C-alpha atoms as a PDB file:
ATOM      1  CA  MET A   1      81.341  93.014  81.289  1.00  0.00           C
ATOM      2  CA  GLU A   2      81.789  96.486  82.653  1.00  0.00           C
ATOM      3  CA  THR A   3      83.352  95.002  85.788  1.00  0.00           C
ATOM      4  CA  LEU A   4      85.932  93.220  83.624  1.00  0.00           C
ATOM      5  CA  LEU A   5      87.003  96.294  81.742  1.00  0.00           C
ATOM      6  CA  ALA A   6      86.649  98.958  84.412  1.00  0.00           C
ATOM      7  CA  LYS A   7      88.929  99.416  87.399  1.00  0.00           C
ATOM      8  CA  GLY A   8      86.112  99.459  89.945  1.00  0.00           C
ATOM      9  CA  ARG A   9      82.716  97.879  90.079  1.00  0.00           C
ATOM     10  CA  ASN A  10      81.032 101.272  90.560  1.00  0.00           C
ATOM     11  CA  VAL A  11      82.388 102.595  87.270  1.00  0.00           C
ATOM     12  CA  LYS A  12      79.735 102.706  84.580  1.00  0.00           C
ATOM     13  CA  ILE A  13      80.490 103.083  80.913  1.00  0.00           C
ATOM     14  CA  ARG A  14      77.741 104.331  78.656  1.00  0.00           C
ATOM     15  CA  LYS A  15      77.531 101.952  75.702  1.00  0.00           C
ATOM     16  CA  ALA A  16      76.888 104.761  73.233  1.00  0.00           C
ATOM     17  CA  ARG A  17      80.113 106.501  74.264  1.00  0.00           C
ATOM     18  CA  ARG A  18      82.347 103.475  74.205  1.00  0.00           C
ATOM     19  CA  PRO A  19      85.098 103.828  71.591  1.00  0.00           C
ATOM     20  CA  ARG A  20      84.844 101.349  68.724  1.00  0.00           C
ATOM     21  CA  LEU A  21      87.796  99.212  69.851  1.00  0.00           C
ATOM     22  CA  LEU A  22      86.588  98.848  73.417  1.00  0.00           C
ATOM     23  CA  ARG A  23      83.075  98.023  72.124  1.00  0.00           C
ATOM     24  CA  GLN A  24      84.707  95.360  69.917  1.00  0.00           C
ATOM     25  CA  SER A  25      86.323  93.727  72.971  1.00  0.00           C
ATOM     26  CA  LEU A  26      83.124  93.997  75.015  1.00  0.00           C
ATOM     27  CA  ASP A  27      81.037  92.418  72.278  1.00  0.00           C
ATOM     28  CA  GLN A  28      83.408  89.498  71.582  1.00  0.00           C
ATOM     29  CA  SER A  29      84.668  88.733  75.114  1.00  0.00           C
ATOM     30  CA  ASP A  30      82.917  86.251  77.378  1.00  0.00           C
ATOM     31  CA  PRO A  31      81.090  88.417  79.972  1.00  0.00           C
ATOM     32  CA  SER A  32      81.704  85.745  82.670  1.00  0.00           C
ATOM     33  CA  VAL A  33      85.496  86.322  82.547  1.00  0.00           C
ATOM     34  CA  THR A  34      86.571  88.477  85.470  1.00  0.00           C
ATOM     35  CA  ARG A  35      89.371  90.999  85.515  1.00  0.00           C
ATOM     36  CA  GLU A  36      91.386  88.755  87.841  1.00  0.00           C
ATOM     37  CA  GLU A  37      91.005  85.775  85.497  1.00  0.00           C
ATOM     38  CA  ALA A  38      92.075  87.854  82.458  1.00  0.00           C
ATOM     39  CA  LEU A  39      95.147  89.090  84.312  1.00  0.00           C
ATOM     40  CA  ALA A  40      96.000  85.603  85.513  1.00  0.00           C
ATOM     41  CA  ALA A  41      95.673  84.213  81.960  1.00  0.00           C
ATOM     42  CA  THR A  42      98.020  86.903  80.700  1.00  0.00           C
ATOM     43  CA  ALA A  43     100.602  86.292  83.427  1.00  0.00           C
ATOM     44  CA  GLU A  44     100.513  82.542  82.850  1.00  0.00           C
ATOM     45  CA  ALA A  45     101.019  82.897  79.092  1.00  0.00           C
ATOM     46  CA  VAL A  46     103.853  85.440  79.489  1.00  0.00           C
ATOM     47  CA  ALA A  47     105.653  83.176  81.986  1.00  0.00           C
ATOM     48  CA  SER A  48     105.261  79.963  79.921  1.00  0.00           C
ATOM     49  CA  ALA A  49     108.112  78.396  78.015  1.00  0.00           C
ATOM     50  CA  ASP A  50     105.510  77.196  75.487  1.00  0.00           C
ATOM     51  CA  PHE A  51     104.703  80.785  74.545  1.00  0.00           C
ATOM     52  CA  PRO A  52     107.334  81.537  71.858  1.00  0.00           C
ATOM     53  CA  ALA A  53     106.814  85.322  71.755  1.00  0.00           C
ATOM     54  CA  SER A  54     109.805  87.589  72.074  1.00  0.00           C
ATOM     55  CA  ALA A  55     110.311  89.603  75.216  1.00  0.00           C
ATOM     56  CA  ARG A  56     109.068  92.676  73.348  1.00  0.00           C
ATOM     57  CA  ASN A  57     105.891  90.981  72.207  1.00  0.00           C
ATOM     58  CA  ARG A  58     105.240  89.689  75.728  1.00  0.00           C
ATOM     59  CA  ARG A  59     105.321  93.347  76.820  1.00  0.00           C
ATOM     60  CA  PHE A  60     103.051  94.105  73.825  1.00  0.00           C
ATOM     61  CA  LEU A  61     100.500  91.566  75.128  1.00  0.00           C
ATOM     62  CA  GLU A  62     100.675  92.884  78.681  1.00  0.00           C
ATOM     63  CA  TYR A  63     100.277  96.477  77.458  1.00  0.00           C
ATOM     64  CA  VAL A  64      97.109  95.842  75.406  1.00  0.00           C
ATOM     65  CA  VAL A  65      95.565  93.643  78.109  1.00  0.00           C
ATOM     66  CA  ARG A  66      96.209  96.212  80.840  1.00  0.00           C
ATOM     67  CA  HIS A  67      94.747  99.101  78.905  1.00  0.00           C
ATOM     68  CA  THR A  68      91.749  97.060  77.803  1.00  0.00           C
ATOM     69  CA  LEU A  69      90.952  96.026  81.360  1.00  0.00           C
ATOM     70  CA  ASP A  70      91.444  99.613  82.524  1.00  0.00           C
ATOM     71  CA  GLY A  71      88.998 100.861  79.901  1.00  0.00           C
ATOM     72  CA  ASN A  72      91.600 102.846  77.999  1.00  0.00           C
ATOM     73  CA  PRO A  73      91.342 101.700  74.373  1.00  0.00           C
ATOM     74  CA  ASP A  74      92.599 105.111  73.235  1.00  0.00           C
ATOM     75  CA  LYS A  75      96.018 103.915  74.492  1.00  0.00           C
ATOM     76  CA  ILE A  76      95.908 100.950  72.105  1.00  0.00           C
ATOM     77  CA  SER A  77      97.024 102.329  68.770  1.00  0.00           C
ATOM     78  CA  GLY A  78      99.859 101.515  66.458  1.00  0.00           C
ATOM     79  CA  TYR A  79     101.597 104.789  67.356  1.00  0.00           C
ATOM     80  CA  LEU A  80     101.424 104.304  71.126  1.00  0.00           C
ATOM     81  CA  VAL A  81     102.390 100.642  71.013  1.00  0.00           C
ATOM     82  CA  ALA A  82     105.396 101.599  68.881  1.00  0.00           C
ATOM     83  CA  THR A  83     106.505 104.456  71.122  1.00  0.00           C
ATOM     84  CA  GLU A  84     105.604 103.060  74.557  1.00  0.00           C
ATOM     85  CA  VAL A  85     106.341  99.344  74.032  1.00  0.00           C
ATOM     86  CA  PHE A  86     108.750  99.139  71.120  1.00  0.00           C
ATOM     87  CA  GLY A  87     110.782 102.262  72.011  1.00  0.00           C
ATOM     88  CA  ARG A  88     110.241 104.077  68.705  1.00  0.00           C
ATOM     89  CA  GLU A  89     110.908 107.857  68.555  1.00  0.00           C
ATOM     90  CA  PRO A  90     108.022 110.388  68.857  1.00  0.00           C
ATOM     91  CA  ASP A  91     108.174 111.054  65.117  1.00  0.00           C
ATOM     92  CA  PHE A  92     107.207 107.402  64.447  1.00  0.00           C
ATOM     93  CA  ASN A  93     104.781 107.112  61.507  1.00  0.00           C
ATOM     94  CA  PRO A  94     102.684 103.887  61.477  1.00  0.00           C
ATOM     95  CA  THR A  95     101.741 104.515  57.852  1.00  0.00           C
ATOM     96  CA  THR A  96     105.319 104.193  56.629  1.00  0.00           C
ATOM     97  CA  ASP A  97     106.614 101.791  59.295  1.00  0.00           C
ATOM     98  CA  PRO A  98     104.460  98.633  59.668  1.00  0.00           C
ATOM     99  CA  ILE A  99     106.416  97.243  62.647  1.00  0.00           C
ATOM    100  CA  VAL A 100     103.396  97.072  64.954  1.00  0.00           C
ATOM    101  CA  ARG A 101     101.220  95.279  62.371  1.00  0.00           C
ATOM    102  CA  ILE A 102     104.032  92.755  61.710  1.00  0.00           C
ATOM    103  CA  GLU A 103     104.615  92.096  65.390  1.00  0.00           C
ATOM    104  CA  ALA A 104     100.867  91.809  66.042  1.00  0.00           C
ATOM    105  CA  ALA A 105     100.666  89.085  63.424  1.00  0.00           C
ATOM    106  CA  LYS A 106     103.558  87.255  65.144  1.00  0.00           C
ATOM    107  CA  LEU A 107     101.861  87.660  68.518  1.00  0.00           C
ATOM    108  CA  ARG A 108      98.647  86.116  67.188  1.00  0.00           C
ATOM    109  CA  ARG A 109     100.601  83.104  65.876  1.00  0.00           C
ATOM    110  CA  ASP A 110     102.500  82.766  69.142  1.00  0.00           C
ATOM    111  CA  LEU A 111      99.274  82.712  71.140  1.00  0.00           C
ATOM    112  CA  GLU A 112      97.928  79.981  68.822  1.00  0.00           C
ATOM    113  CA  VAL A 113     101.085  77.923  69.470  1.00  0.00           C
ATOM    114  CA  TYR A 114     100.755  78.428  73.225  1.00  0.00           C
ATOM    115  CA  TYR A 115      97.138  77.249  73.238  1.00  0.00           C
ATOM    116  CA  LEU A 116      98.102  74.154  71.298  1.00  0.00           C
ATOM    117  CA  LYS A 117     100.601  73.249  74.030  1.00  0.00           C
ATOM    118  CA  SER A 118     100.434  73.790  77.798  1.00  0.00           C
ATOM    119  CA  GLY A 119      97.966  76.669  77.289  1.00  0.00           C
ATOM    120  CA  SER A 120      95.411  74.132  76.043  1.00  0.00           C
ATOM    121  CA  ARG A 121      94.383  73.522  79.662  1.00  0.00           C
ATOM    122  CA  THR A 122      93.930  77.127  80.729  1.00  0.00           C
ATOM    123  CA  PRO A 123      90.412  78.180  81.768  1.00  0.00           C
ATOM    124  CA  VAL A 124      90.590  81.544  79.962  1.00  0.00           C
ATOM    125  CA  ARG A 125      92.124  82.285  76.555  1.00  0.00           C
ATOM    126  CA  ILE A 126      93.270  85.560  74.966  1.00  0.00           C
ATOM    127  CA  THR A 127      92.990  86.315  71.294  1.00  0.00           C
ATOM    128  CA  LEU A 128      93.965  89.369  69.297  1.00  0.00           C
ATOM    129  CA  PRO A 129      91.410  89.753  66.471  1.00  0.00           C
ATOM    130  CA  ARG A 130      92.772  90.897  63.151  1.00  0.00           C
ATOM    131  CA  GLY A 131      92.212  94.518  62.286  1.00  0.00           C
ATOM    132  CA  GLY A 132      93.146  95.873  65.734  1.00  0.00           C
ATOM    133  CA  TYR A 133      95.175  95.282  68.852  1.00  0.00           C
ATOM    134  CA  VAL A 134      92.356  95.064  71.491  1.00  0.00           C
ATOM    135  CA  PRO A 135      92.439  91.591  73.096  1.00  0.00           C
ATOM    136  CA  VAL A 136      89.347  89.374  73.540  1.00  0.00           C
ATOM    137  CA  PHE A 137      88.916  86.972  76.451  1.00  0.00           C
ATOM    138  CA  HIS A 138      86.883  83.779  76.335  1.00  0.00           C
ATOM    139  CA  ARG A 139      86.448  80.405  77.994  1.00  0.00           C
ATOM    140  CA  PRO A 140      87.273  77.459  75.721  1.00  0.00           C
ATOM    141  CA  ALA A 141      84.707  74.687  75.366  1.00  0.00           C
ATOM    142  CA  PRO A 142      85.679  71.416  77.153  1.00  0.00           C
ATOM    143  CA  THR A 143      86.414  69.749  73.823  1.00  0.00           C
ATOM    144  CA  GLU A 144      88.634  72.701  72.847  1.00  0.00           C
ATOM    145  CA  ARG A 145      90.565  72.546  76.103  1.00  0.00           C
ATOM    146  CA  SER A 146      91.280  68.821  75.785  1.00  0.00           C
ATOM    147  CA  ALA A 147      92.028  68.832  72.047  1.00  0.00           C
ATOM    148  CA  PHE A 148      95.822  68.857  72.376  1.00  0.00           C
ATOM    149  CA  LEU A 149      97.644  66.132  74.277  1.00  0.00           C
ATOM    150  CA  ASP A 150     101.401  66.455  74.406  1.00  0.00           C
ATOM    151  CA  PRO A 151     102.951  63.567  72.432  1.00  0.00           C
ATOM    152  CA  GLN A 152     106.131  63.963  74.443  1.00  0.00           C
ATOM    153  CA  ALA A 153     104.403  63.536  77.778  1.00  0.00           C
ATOM    154  CA  ILE A 154     103.517  60.315  79.605  1.00  0.00           C
ATOM    155  CA  THR A 155     101.449  59.605  82.709  1.00  0.00           C
ATOM    156  CA  VAL A 156     102.602  56.723  84.859  1.00  0.00           C
ATOM    157  CA  HIS A 157      99.409  55.417  86.404  1.00  0.00           C
ATOM    158  CA  ASP A 158     100.423  52.483  88.531  1.00  0.00           C
ATOM    159  CA  LEU A 159     102.740  49.477  88.613  1.00  0.00           C
ATOM    160  CA  LYS A 160     101.348  46.958  91.045  1.00  0.00           C
ATOM    161  CA  GLU A 161     103.686  44.461  92.750  1.00  0.00           C
ATOM    162  CA  ALA A 162     101.370  41.641  93.864  1.00  0.00           C
ATOM    163  CA  GLY A 163     102.822  38.987  96.155  1.00  0.00           C
ATOM    164  CA  MET A 164     106.350  40.374  96.013  1.00  0.00           C
ATOM    165  CA  ALA A 165     108.747  40.951  98.850  1.00  0.00           C
ATOM    166  CA  ARG A 166     110.372  44.317  98.418  1.00  0.00           C
ATOM    167  CA  SER A 167     113.387  46.103  99.821  1.00  0.00           C
ATOM    168  CA  GLY A 168     113.861  49.641  98.657  1.00  0.00           C
ATOM    169  CA  PRO A 169     111.600  51.985  96.702  1.00  0.00           C
ATOM    170  CA  PRO A 170     108.524  50.593  94.897  1.00  0.00           C
ATOM    171  CA  LEU A 171     108.842  49.604  91.270  1.00  0.00           C
ATOM    172  CA  ARG A 172     106.600  52.536  90.189  1.00  0.00           C
ATOM    173  CA  ALA A 173     108.842  55.043  91.950  1.00  0.00           C
ATOM    174  CA  ARG A 174     111.984  53.660  90.328  1.00  0.00           C
ATOM    175  CA  VAL A 175     110.353  53.629  86.821  1.00  0.00           C
ATOM    176  CA  ILE A 176     109.241  57.265  87.316  1.00  0.00           C
ATOM    177  CA  ASP A 177     112.796  58.241  88.294  1.00  0.00           C
ATOM    178  CA  HIS A 178     114.219  56.503  85.203  1.00  0.00           C
ATOM    179  CA  LEU A 179     111.677  58.177  82.969  1.00  0.00           C
ATOM    180  CA  ALA A 180     112.341  61.601  84.479  1.00  0.00           C
ATOM    181  CA  ARG A 181     115.971  61.319  83.451  1.00  0.00           C
ATOM    182  CA  GLN A 182     115.017  60.895  79.762  1.00  0.00           C
ATOM    183  CA  ALA A 183     115.124  64.190  77.845  1.00  0.00           C
ATOM    184  CA  GLU A 184     112.570  63.025  75.286  1.00  0.00           C
ATOM    185  CA  VAL A 185     109.584  62.921  77.650  1.00  0.00           C
ATOM    186  CA  SER A 186     107.846  64.830  80.410  1.00  0.00           C
ATOM    187  CA  VAL A 187     106.495  62.662  83.206  1.00  0.00           C
ATOM    188  CA  PHE A 188     103.229  62.974  85.167  1.00  0.00           C
ATOM    189  CA  ALA A 189     102.623  60.789  88.191  1.00  0.00           C
ATOM    190  CA  GLY A 190      99.607  61.058  90.437  1.00  0.00           C
ATOM    191  CA  PRO A 191      98.913  59.025  93.562  1.00  0.00           C
ATOM    192  CA  PRO A 192      98.925  55.219  93.197  1.00  0.00           C
ATOM    193  CA  SER A 193      95.619  53.577  92.410  1.00  0.00           C
ATOM    194  CA  ALA A 194      93.502  52.625  95.372  1.00  0.00           C
ATOM    195  CA  SER A 195      91.541  50.019  93.413  1.00  0.00           C
ATOM    196  CA  GLY A 196      94.268  47.415  93.520  1.00  0.00           C
ATOM    197  CA  ASP A 197      94.356  47.108  89.693  1.00  0.00           C
ATOM    198  CA  GLY A 198      97.629  48.148  88.046  1.00  0.00           C
ATOM    199  CA  LEU A 199      96.505  47.588  84.439  1.00  0.00           C
ATOM    200  CA  LEU A 200      94.308  50.312  83.056  1.00  0.00           C
ATOM    201  CA  ASP A 201      91.125  50.097  81.085  1.00  0.00           C
ATOM    202  CA  SER A 202      90.551  52.395  78.088  1.00  0.00           C
ATOM    203  CA  GLU A 203      88.067  54.780  79.772  1.00  0.00           C
ATOM    204  CA  THR A 204      90.353  55.499  82.717  1.00  0.00           C
ATOM    205  CA  ALA A 205      93.359  55.907  80.386  1.00  0.00           C
ATOM    206  CA  ARG A 206      91.423  58.475  78.360  1.00  0.00           C
ATOM    207  CA  GLU A 207      90.380  60.388  81.493  1.00  0.00           C
ATOM    208  CA  LEU A 208      93.970  60.461  82.750  1.00  0.00           C
ATOM    209  CA  GLY A 209      95.294  61.614  79.384  1.00  0.00           C
ATOM    210  CA  ARG A 210      92.871  64.518  79.120  1.00  0.00           C
ATOM    211  CA  ARG A 211      93.273  65.492  82.742  1.00  0.00           C
ATOM    212  CA  ASN A 212      97.121  65.640  82.519  1.00  0.00           C
ATOM    213  CA  GLY A 213      97.415  66.653  78.850  1.00  0.00           C
ATOM    214  CA  THR A 214      99.525  63.590  78.091  1.00  0.00           C
ATOM    215  CA  ARG A 215      99.172  61.576  74.891  1.00  0.00           C
ATOM    216  CA  PHE A 216     100.513  58.402  76.482  1.00  0.00           C
ATOM    217  CA  ILE A 217      99.522  56.544  79.607  1.00  0.00           C
ATOM    218  CA  MET A 218     101.662  53.762  81.161  1.00  0.00           C
ATOM    219  CA  SER A 219     100.389  51.112  83.563  1.00  0.00           C
ATOM    220  CA  GLY A 220     101.585  47.684  84.667  1.00  0.00           C
ATOM    221  CA  ASP A 221     101.264  44.714  86.968  1.00  0.00           C
ATOM    222  CA  ALA A 222     104.358  42.917  88.290  1.00  0.00           C
ATOM    223  CA  HIS A 223     104.488  39.428  89.848  1.00  0.00           C
ATOM    224  CA  PRO A 224     107.196  36.895  90.766  1.00  0.00           C
ATOM    225  CA  GLY A 225     108.571  34.877  87.882  1.00  0.00           C
ATOM    226  CA  SER A 226     110.913  31.895  87.702  1.00  0.00           C
ATOM    227  CA  ASP A 227     114.520  31.853  88.884  1.00  0.00           C
ATOM    228  CA  GLY A 228     114.029  34.858  91.113  1.00  0.00           C
ATOM    229  CA  GLU A 229     113.039  37.158  88.261  1.00  0.00           C
ATOM    230  CA  VAL A 230     110.168  39.638  88.267  1.00  0.00           C
ATOM    231  CA  VAL A 231     107.708  39.671  85.359  1.00  0.00           C
ATOM    232  CA  CYS A 232     105.853  42.881  84.626  1.00  0.00           C
ATOM    233  CA  THR A 233     102.958  43.139  82.180  1.00  0.00           C
ATOM    234  CA  ALA A 234     103.197  46.688  80.856  1.00  0.00           C
ATOM    235  CA  ARG A 235     100.639  48.615  78.885  1.00  0.00           C
ATOM    236  CA  LEU A 236     100.722  51.845  76.898  1.00  0.00           C
ATOM    237  CA  HIS A 237      97.437  53.552  76.121  1.00  0.00           C
ATOM    238  CA  ASP A 238      96.590  56.522  73.879  1.00  0.00           C
ATOM    239  CA  GLY A 239      95.435  59.276  76.202  1.00  0.00           C
ATOM    240  CA  GLN A 240      93.362  60.815  73.409  1.00  0.00           C
ATOM    241  CA  THR A 241      91.155  57.799  72.606  1.00  0.00           C
ATOM    242  CA  GLY A 242      91.879  55.361  75.404  1.00  0.00           C
ATOM    243  CA  ARG A 243      93.067  52.796  72.830  1.00  0.00           C
ATOM    244  CA  LEU A 244      95.483  50.151  73.998  1.00  0.00           C
ATOM    245  CA  LEU A 245      98.539  50.667  71.809  1.00  0.00           C
ATOM    246  CA  TRP A 246     101.103  48.258  73.204  1.00  0.00           C
ATOM    247  CA  SER A 247     101.396  45.524  75.795  1.00  0.00           C
ATOM    248  CA  ALA A 248     104.315  43.300  76.699  1.00  0.00           C
ATOM    249  CA  ASP A 249     105.541  40.951  79.435  1.00  0.00           C
ATOM    250  CA  ILE A 250     109.017  42.096  80.504  1.00  0.00           C
ATOM    251  CA  ALA A 251     111.114  39.975  82.831  1.00  0.00           C
ATOM    252  CA  GLY A 252     114.292  40.704  84.722  1.00  0.00           C
ATOM    253  CA  GLY A 253     115.916  40.974  88.095  1.00  0.00           C
ATOM    254  CA  ALA A 254     114.418  43.549  90.441  1.00  0.00           C
ATOM    255  CA  ASP A 255     117.518  45.742  90.081  1.00  0.00           C
ATOM    256  CA  VAL A 256     117.399  45.927  86.257  1.00  0.00           C
ATOM    257  CA  LEU A 257     113.641  45.690  85.601  1.00  0.00           C
ATOM    258  CA  PRO A 258     112.867  49.449  85.937  1.00  0.00           C
ATOM    259  CA  GLU A 259     115.428  50.328  83.308  1.00  0.00           C
ATOM    260  CA  ALA A 260     114.198  47.572  80.979  1.00  0.00           C
ATOM    261  CA  LEU A 261     110.584  48.738  81.410  1.00  0.00           C
ATOM    262  CA  VAL A 262     111.511  52.306  80.585  1.00  0.00           C
ATOM    263  CA  ALA A 263     113.535  51.336  77.486  1.00  0.00           C
ATOM    264  CA  ARG A 264     110.734  49.122  76.065  1.00  0.00           C
ATOM    265  CA  THR A 265     108.011  51.691  76.879  1.00  0.00           C
ATOM    266  CA  LEU A 266     109.911  54.583  75.311  1.00  0.00           C
ATOM    267  CA  SER A 267     110.566  52.535  72.208  1.00  0.00           C
ATOM    268  CA  ALA A 268     106.850  51.826  71.892  1.00  0.00           C
ATOM    269  CA  ARG A 269     106.023  55.503  72.533  1.00  0.00           C
ATOM    270  CA  ARG A 270     108.390  56.668  69.810  1.00  0.00           C
ATOM    271  CA  ALA A 271     106.933  54.238  67.277  1.00  0.00           C
ATOM    272  CA  TRP A 272     103.352  55.134  68.078  1.00  0.00           C
ATOM    273  CA  ALA A 273     104.029  58.905  68.253  1.00  0.00           C
ATOM    274  CA  ALA A 274     105.214  58.724  64.634  1.00  0.00           C
ATOM    275  CA  LYS A 275     102.138  56.723  63.631  1.00  0.00           C
ATOM    276  CA  LEU A 276      99.659  58.884  65.459  1.00  0.00           C
ATOM    277  CA  ASP A 277     101.048  62.153  64.144  1.00  0.00           C
ATOM    278  CA  GLY A 278      98.227  63.319  61.892  1.00  0.00           C
ATOM    279  CA  THR A 279      96.668  59.878  61.813  1.00  0.00           C
ATOM    280  CA  PRO A 280      94.778  59.491  65.108  1.00  0.00           C
ATOM    281  CA  ASP A 281      92.619  56.523  64.172  1.00  0.00           C
ATOM    282  CA  LEU A 282      95.046  53.772  63.286  1.00  0.00           C
ATOM    283  CA  PRO A 283      94.167  50.105  63.877  1.00  0.00           C
ATOM    284  CA  VAL A 284      96.030  48.300  66.583  1.00  0.00           C
END
């Protein structure tokens, strides 16, 4: 842990002489977290749109992290945060002005929000224990990292086109483009499946959901229909449990099918997002 909190690996800190706040961070932080990982976790949080902290509180976080990693906990006090980060005058009195305590409480909540969103997949997390401003670094357990799946995000797995002549982009590419134009969702699309199966099973859907952090997984299988139409069997899975939520056969001309698929899939996603909100084990 000394290598995390000291500037160089040859710097030794006698445990008996460590100030209380630094000892608190050393005792609570994961000793496997390196200085580089802690700095990267800080930079990622500060740059994220999912971290709702104000610009001042982002500087607050960077300040306490830097001084903790440099082994300077004496720089982490209400007075110094107020004067060096918040721009308060030298006569600032933390006893009569609780600004730092108030902003620290906001920063703790903002970190919690971030780790419920895109920060849920970060390998190192930062917390600010109550009673002080010295950050603690830890690695979340696998279940903790995969606990939050974004209900506004969808992974498009594959849309197979068996036995169909095609001119122009594949159906999957056109569906992804249509989805990407919809403000209500974020779209994830990995490489097409090499197995030849467009329709997903529950286990694979769950793996994709947790890997991408998306609550919904779309897959499909298209084949020629009658009168020159294309029929696509579309599926929507719950990325949290792998449960098949919705399936439908959607028919249309090749030029209008992508838009029809997107419209039906988004309608199903909206309905299920409302049902799954706080009730993750609904019957199908």
